[in-house]
Amino acid sequence: DVYPDVAALAEKDRSIIITGYVEIVA
């Protein structure tokens, strides 16, 4: 549930990767 303003950061900078939900963060 990434907030749209945070998701927009990744759209502007390819070095930022948003994974979304992951089962195991470790």
PDB file of all heavy atoms in Angstrom:
ATOM      1  N   ASP A   1       0.814  -1.213   0.000  1.00  0.00           N
ATOM      2  CA  ASP A   1       0.000   0.000   0.000  1.00  0.00           C
ATOM      3  C   ASP A   1       0.851   1.268   0.000  1.00  0.00           C
ATOM      4  O   ASP A   1       0.702   2.143   0.846  1.00  0.00           O
ATOM      5  CB  ASP A   1      -0.946   0.023   1.208  1.00  0.00           C
ATOM      6  CG  ASP A   1      -1.916  -1.145   1.223  1.00  0.00           C
ATOM      7  OD1 ASP A   1      -2.279  -1.614   0.133  1.00  0.00           O
ATOM      8  OD2 ASP A   1      -2.293  -1.579   2.321  1.00  0.00           O
ATOM      9  N   VAL A   2       1.722   1.360  -0.976  1.00  0.00           N
ATOM     10  CA  VAL A   2       2.603   2.525  -1.060  1.00  0.00           C
ATOM     11  C   VAL A   2       1.770   3.756  -1.413  1.00  0.00           C
ATOM     12  O   VAL A   2       0.991   3.753  -2.368  1.00  0.00           O
ATOM     13  CB  VAL A   2       3.721   2.295  -2.097  1.00  0.00           C
ATOM     14  CG1 VAL A   2       4.551   3.542  -2.280  1.00  0.00           C
ATOM     15  CG2 VAL A   2       4.590   1.142  -1.656  1.00  0.00           C
ATOM     16  N   TYR A   3       1.938   4.791  -0.622  1.00  0.00           N
ATOM     17  CA  TYR A   3       1.234   6.047  -0.817  1.00  0.00           C
ATOM     18  C   TYR A   3       1.605   6.630  -2.184  1.00  0.00           C
ATOM     19  O   TYR A   3       2.763   6.573  -2.595  1.00  0.00           O
ATOM     20  CB  TYR A   3       1.612   7.010   0.320  1.00  0.00           C
ATOM     21  CG  TYR A   3       0.761   8.231   0.417  1.00  0.00           C
ATOM     22  CD1 TYR A   3      -0.545   8.151   0.883  1.00  0.00           C
ATOM     23  CD2 TYR A   3       1.258   9.473   0.047  1.00  0.00           C
ATOM     24  CE1 TYR A   3      -1.333   9.282   0.989  1.00  0.00           C
ATOM     25  CE2 TYR A   3       0.474  10.610   0.143  1.00  0.00           C
ATOM     26  CZ  TYR A   3      -0.827  10.510   0.613  1.00  0.00           C
ATOM     27  OH  TYR A   3      -1.602  11.630   0.709  1.00  0.00           O
ATOM     28  N   PRO A   4       0.645   7.195  -2.912  1.00  0.00           N
ATOM     29  CA  PRO A   4       0.926   7.701  -4.265  1.00  0.00           C
ATOM     30  C   PRO A   4       2.088   8.693  -4.340  1.00  0.00           C
ATOM     31  O   PRO A   4       2.858   8.669  -5.310  1.00  0.00           O
ATOM     32  CB  PRO A   4      -0.395   8.368  -4.673  1.00  0.00           C
ATOM     33  CG  PRO A   4      -1.442   7.643  -3.891  1.00  0.00           C
ATOM     34  CD  PRO A   4      -0.786   7.303  -2.573  1.00  0.00           C
ATOM     35  N   ASP A   5       2.246   9.559  -3.349  1.00  0.00           N
ATOM     36  CA  ASP A   5       3.353  10.521  -3.385  1.00  0.00           C
ATOM     37  C   ASP A   5       4.707   9.815  -3.293  1.00  0.00           C
ATOM     38  O   ASP A   5       5.682  10.246  -3.901  1.00  0.00           O
ATOM     39  CB  ASP A   5       3.239  11.535  -2.243  1.00  0.00           C
ATOM     40  CG  ASP A   5       2.092  12.514  -2.439  1.00  0.00           C
ATOM     41  OD1 ASP A   5       1.454  12.478  -3.520  1.00  0.00           O
ATOM     42  OD2 ASP A   5       1.842  13.303  -1.515  1.00  0.00           O
ATOM     43  N   VAL A   6       4.760   8.724  -2.534  1.00  0.00           N
ATOM     44  CA  VAL A   6       5.998   7.948  -2.431  1.00  0.00           C
ATOM     45  C   VAL A   6       6.231   7.189  -3.729  1.00  0.00           C
ATOM     46  O   VAL A   6       7.351   7.133  -4.241  1.00  0.00           O
ATOM     47  CB  VAL A   6       5.963   6.999  -1.212  1.00  0.00           C
ATOM     48  CG1 VAL A   6       7.196   6.116  -1.175  1.00  0.00           C
ATOM     49  CG2 VAL A   6       5.833   7.801   0.084  1.00  0.00           C
ATOM     50  N   ALA A   7       5.188   6.612  -4.303  1.00  0.00           N
ATOM     51  CA  ALA A   7       5.310   5.915  -5.585  1.00  0.00           C
ATOM     52  C   ALA A   7       5.795   6.866  -6.675  1.00  0.00           C
ATOM     53  O   ALA A   7       6.584   6.475  -7.544  1.00  0.00           O
ATOM     54  CB  ALA A   7       3.978   5.286  -5.971  1.00  0.00           C
ATOM     55  N   ALA A   8       5.359   8.106  -6.619  1.00  0.00           N
ATOM     56  CA  ALA A   8       5.795   9.102  -7.607  1.00  0.00           C
ATOM     57  C   ALA A   8       7.297   9.351  -7.523  1.00  0.00           C
ATOM     58  O   ALA A   8       7.938   9.636  -8.537  1.00  0.00           O
ATOM     59  CB  ALA A   8       5.029  10.407  -7.419  1.00  0.00           C
ATOM     60  N   LEU A   9       7.873   9.211  -6.333  1.00  0.00           N
ATOM     61  CA  LEU A   9       9.323   9.370  -6.191  1.00  0.00           C
ATOM     62  C   LEU A   9      10.055   8.332  -7.025  1.00  0.00           C
ATOM     63  O   LEU A   9      11.051   8.632  -7.684  1.00  0.00           O
ATOM     64  CB  LEU A   9       9.734   9.217  -4.721  1.00  0.00           C
ATOM     65  CG  LEU A   9       9.137  10.188  -3.723  1.00  0.00           C
ATOM     66  CD1 LEU A   9       9.539   9.793  -2.308  1.00  0.00           C
ATOM     67  CD2 LEU A   9       9.568  11.608  -4.030  1.00  0.00           C
ATOM     68  N   ALA A  10       9.561   7.102  -7.000  1.00  0.00           N
ATOM     69  CA  ALA A  10      10.195   6.026  -7.760  1.00  0.00           C
ATOM     70  C   ALA A  10      10.041   6.237  -9.258  1.00  0.00           C
ATOM     71  O   ALA A  10      10.909   5.836 -10.037  1.00  0.00           O
ATOM     72  CB  ALA A  10       9.619   4.675  -7.346  1.00  0.00           C
ATOM     73  N   GLU A  11       8.955   6.854  -9.672  1.00  0.00           N
ATOM     74  CA  GLU A  11       8.763   7.118 -11.091  1.00  0.00           C
ATOM     75  C   GLU A  11       9.763   8.152 -11.604  1.00  0.00           C
ATOM     76  O   GLU A  11      10.150   8.123 -12.763  1.00  0.00           O
ATOM     77  CB  GLU A  11       7.338   7.603 -11.351  1.00  0.00           C
ATOM     78  CG  GLU A  11       6.307   6.506 -11.128  1.00  0.00           C
ATOM     79  CD  GLU A  11       4.885   7.019 -11.252  1.00  0.00           C
ATOM     80  OE1 GLU A  11       4.683   8.180 -11.675  1.00  0.00           O
ATOM     81  OE2 GLU A  11       3.974   6.247 -10.919  1.00  0.00           O
ATOM     82  N   LYS A  12      10.219   9.034 -10.726  1.00  0.00           N
ATOM     83  CA  LYS A  12      11.167  10.084 -11.109  1.00  0.00           C
ATOM     84  C   LYS A  12      12.619   9.616 -11.032  1.00  0.00           C
ATOM     85  O   LYS A  12      13.492  10.223 -11.632  1.00  0.00           O
ATOM     86  CB  LYS A  12      10.995  11.301 -10.201  1.00  0.00           C
ATOM     87  CG  LYS A  12       9.677  11.997 -10.344  1.00  0.00           C
ATOM     88  CD  LYS A  12       9.568  13.148  -9.373  1.00  0.00           C
ATOM     89  CE  LYS A  12       8.203  13.791  -9.437  1.00  0.00           C
ATOM     90  NZ  LYS A  12       8.025  14.811  -8.411  1.00  0.00           N
ATOM     91  N   ASP A  13      12.881   8.558 -10.286  1.00  0.00           N
ATOM     92  CA  ASP A  13      14.259   8.104 -10.043  1.00  0.00           C
ATOM     93  C   ASP A  13      14.315   6.588 -10.145  1.00  0.00           C
ATOM     94  O   ASP A  13      13.790   5.873  -9.289  1.00  0.00           O
ATOM     95  CB  ASP A  13      14.713   8.563  -8.651  1.00  0.00           C
ATOM     96  CG  ASP A  13      16.176   8.295  -8.376  1.00  0.00           C
ATOM     97  OD1 ASP A  13      16.748   7.362  -8.991  1.00  0.00           O
ATOM     98  OD2 ASP A  13      16.747   8.995  -7.534  1.00  0.00           O
ATOM     99  N   ARG A  14      14.962   6.086 -11.185  1.00  0.00           N
ATOM    100  CA  ARG A  14      14.998   4.640 -11.442  1.00  0.00           C
ATOM    101  C   ARG A  14      15.813   3.866 -10.405  1.00  0.00           C
ATOM    102  O   ARG A  14      15.769   2.646 -10.371  1.00  0.00           O
ATOM    103  CB  ARG A  14      15.527   4.382 -12.836  1.00  0.00           C
ATOM    104  CG  ARG A  14      14.580   4.942 -13.894  1.00  0.00           C
ATOM    105  CD  ARG A  14      15.046   4.579 -15.247  1.00  0.00           C
ATOM    106  NE  ARG A  14      15.069   3.123 -15.327  1.00  0.00           N
ATOM    107  CZ  ARG A  14      14.955   2.438 -16.432  1.00  0.00           C
ATOM    108  NH1 ARG A  14      14.823   3.058 -17.543  1.00  0.00           N
ATOM    109  NH2 ARG A  14      15.002   1.124 -16.423  1.00  0.00           N
ATOM    110  N   SER A  15      16.559   4.554  -9.557  1.00  0.00           N
ATOM    111  CA  SER A  15      17.320   3.853  -8.523  1.00  0.00           C
ATOM    112  C   SER A  15      16.453   3.515  -7.308  1.00  0.00           C
ATOM    113  O   SER A  15      16.891   2.819  -6.408  1.00  0.00           O
ATOM    114  CB  SER A  15      18.534   4.678  -8.083  1.00  0.00           C
ATOM    115  OG  SER A  15      18.144   5.796  -7.309  1.00  0.00           O
ATOM    116  N   ILE A  16      15.220   4.006  -7.298  1.00  0.00           N
ATOM    117  CA  ILE A  16      14.276   3.703  -6.224  1.00  0.00           C
ATOM    118  C   ILE A  16      13.339   2.610  -6.710  1.00  0.00           C
ATOM    119  O   ILE A  16      12.649   2.776  -7.709  1.00  0.00           O
ATOM    120  CB  ILE A  16      13.468   4.952  -5.809  1.00  0.00           C
ATOM    121  CG1 ILE A  16      14.406   6.078  -5.373  1.00  0.00           C
ATOM    122  CG2 ILE A  16      12.478   4.605  -4.701  1.00  0.00           C
ATOM    123  CD1 ILE A  16      13.715   7.406  -5.156  1.00  0.00           C
ATOM    124  N   ILE A  17      13.344   1.485  -6.018  1.00  0.00           N
ATOM    125  CA  ILE A  17      12.525   0.336  -6.398  1.00  0.00           C
ATOM    126  C   ILE A  17      11.504   0.079  -5.307  1.00  0.00           C
ATOM    127  O   ILE A  17      11.856  -0.078  -4.140  1.00  0.00           O
ATOM    128  CB  ILE A  17      13.388  -0.929  -6.605  1.00  0.00           C
ATOM    129  CG1 ILE A  17      14.371  -0.697  -7.757  1.00  0.00           C
ATOM    130  CG2 ILE A  17      12.529  -2.138  -6.893  1.00  0.00           C
ATOM    131  CD1 ILE A  17      15.742  -0.412  -7.332  1.00  0.00           C
ATOM    132  N   ILE A  18      10.244   0.061  -5.684  1.00  0.00           N
ATOM    133  CA  ILE A  18       9.173  -0.242  -4.744  1.00  0.00           C
ATOM    134  C   ILE A  18       8.737  -1.677  -4.993  1.00  0.00           C
ATOM    135  O   ILE A  18       8.326  -2.034  -6.091  1.00  0.00           O
ATOM    136  CB  ILE A  18       8.002   0.735  -4.910  1.00  0.00           C
ATOM    137  CG1 ILE A  18       8.470   2.153  -4.572  1.00  0.00           C
ATOM    138  CG2 ILE A  18       6.822   0.319  -4.045  1.00  0.00           C
ATOM    139  CD1 ILE A  18       7.447   3.220  -4.784  1.00  0.00           C
ATOM    140  N   THR A  19       8.841  -2.502  -3.957  1.00  0.00           N
ATOM    141  CA  THR A  19       8.533  -3.926  -4.103  1.00  0.00           C
ATOM    142  C   THR A  19       7.058  -4.226  -3.945  1.00  0.00           C
ATOM    143  O   THR A  19       6.581  -5.228  -4.452  1.00  0.00           O
ATOM    144  CB  THR A  19       9.281  -4.752  -3.051  1.00  0.00           C
ATOM    145  OG1 THR A  19       8.785  -4.404  -1.759  1.00  0.00           O
ATOM    146  CG2 THR A  19      10.772  -4.534  -3.138  1.00  0.00           C
ATOM    147  N   GLY A  20       6.337  -3.389  -3.216  1.00  0.00           N
ATOM    148  CA  GLY A  20       4.993  -3.771  -2.812  1.00  0.00           C
ATOM    149  C   GLY A  20       5.087  -4.803  -1.697  1.00  0.00           C
ATOM    150  O   GLY A  20       6.145  -4.949  -1.063  1.00  0.00           O
ATOM    151  N   TYR A  21       4.013  -5.514  -1.474  1.00  0.00           N
ATOM    152  CA  TYR A  21       3.975  -6.497  -0.392  1.00  0.00           C
ATOM    153  C   TYR A  21       4.962  -7.627  -0.668  1.00  0.00           C
ATOM    154  O   TYR A  21       5.055  -8.119  -1.786  1.00  0.00           O
ATOM    155  CB  TYR A  21       2.567  -7.088  -0.255  1.00  0.00           C
ATOM    156  CG  TYR A  21       2.492  -8.216   0.733  1.00  0.00           C
ATOM    157  CD1 TYR A  21       2.433  -7.956   2.087  1.00  0.00           C
ATOM    158  CD2 TYR A  21       2.520  -9.536   0.306  1.00  0.00           C
ATOM    159  CE1 TYR A  21       2.382  -8.990   3.011  1.00  0.00           C
ATOM    160  CE2 TYR A  21       2.470 -10.579   1.220  1.00  0.00           C
ATOM    161  CZ  TYR A  21       2.404 -10.294   2.570  1.00  0.00           C
ATOM    162  OH  TYR A  21       2.363 -11.313   3.481  1.00  0.00           O
ATOM    163  N   VAL A  22       5.718  -8.015   0.340  1.00  0.00           N
ATOM    164  CA  VAL A  22       6.561  -9.211   0.261  1.00  0.00           C
ATOM    165  C   VAL A  22       6.245 -10.078   1.468  1.00  0.00           C
ATOM    166  O   VAL A  22       5.969  -9.583   2.557  1.00  0.00           O
ATOM    167  CB  VAL A  22       8.075  -8.882   0.211  1.00  0.00           C
ATOM    168  CG1 VAL A  22       8.411  -8.098  -1.039  1.00  0.00           C
ATOM    169  CG2 VAL A  22       8.530  -8.135   1.435  1.00  0.00           C
ATOM    170  N   GLU A  23       6.261 -11.379   1.262  1.00  0.00           N
ATOM    171  CA  GLU A  23       5.950 -12.321   2.332  1.00  0.00           C
ATOM    172  C   GLU A  23       6.994 -12.270   3.442  1.00  0.00           C
ATOM    173  O   GLU A  23       6.659 -12.266   4.613  1.00  0.00           O
ATOM    174  CB  GLU A  23       5.859 -13.744   1.753  1.00  0.00           C
ATOM    175  CG  GLU A  23       5.386 -14.781   2.729  1.00  0.00           C
ATOM    176  CD  GLU A  23       3.906 -14.658   3.069  1.00  0.00           C
ATOM    177  OE1 GLU A  23       3.117 -14.205   2.228  1.00  0.00           O
ATOM    178  OE2 GLU A  23       3.551 -15.008   4.214  1.00  0.00           O
ATOM    179  N   ILE A  24       8.281 -12.230   3.043  1.00  0.00           N
ATOM    180  CA  ILE A  24       9.367 -12.258   4.022  1.00  0.00           C
ATOM    181  C   ILE A  24      10.303 -11.090   3.751  1.00  0.00           C
ATOM    182  O   ILE A  24      11.025 -11.074   2.761  1.00  0.00           O
ATOM    183  CB  ILE A  24      10.127 -13.604   3.967  1.00  0.00           C
ATOM    184  CG1 ILE A  24       9.168 -14.746   4.259  1.00  0.00           C
ATOM    185  CG2 ILE A  24      11.294 -13.596   4.943  1.00  0.00           C
ATOM    186  CD1 ILE A  24       9.758 -16.124   4.068  1.00  0.00           C
ATOM    187  N   VAL A  25      10.300 -10.113   4.636  1.00  0.00           N
ATOM    188  CA  VAL A  25      11.132  -8.916   4.494  1.00  0.00           C
ATOM    189  C   VAL A  25      12.608  -9.253   4.698  1.00  0.00           C
ATOM    190  O   VAL A  25      13.482  -8.623   4.103  1.00  0.00           O
ATOM    191  CB  VAL A  25      10.672  -7.834   5.506  1.00  0.00           C
ATOM    192  CG1 VAL A  25      11.605  -6.635   5.486  1.00  0.00           C
ATOM    193  CG2 VAL A  25       9.243  -7.415   5.221  1.00  0.00           C
ATOM    194  N   ALA A  26      12.893 -10.262   5.496  1.00  0.00           N
ATOM    195  CA  ALA A  26      14.275 -10.590   5.863  1.00  0.00           C
ATOM    196  C   ALA A  26      15.168 -10.820   4.652  1.00  0.00           C
ATOM    197  O   ALA A  26      16.349 -10.493   4.696  1.00  0.00           O
ATOM    198  CB  ALA A  26      14.303 -11.812   6.780  1.00  0.00           C
TER     199      ALA A  26
END
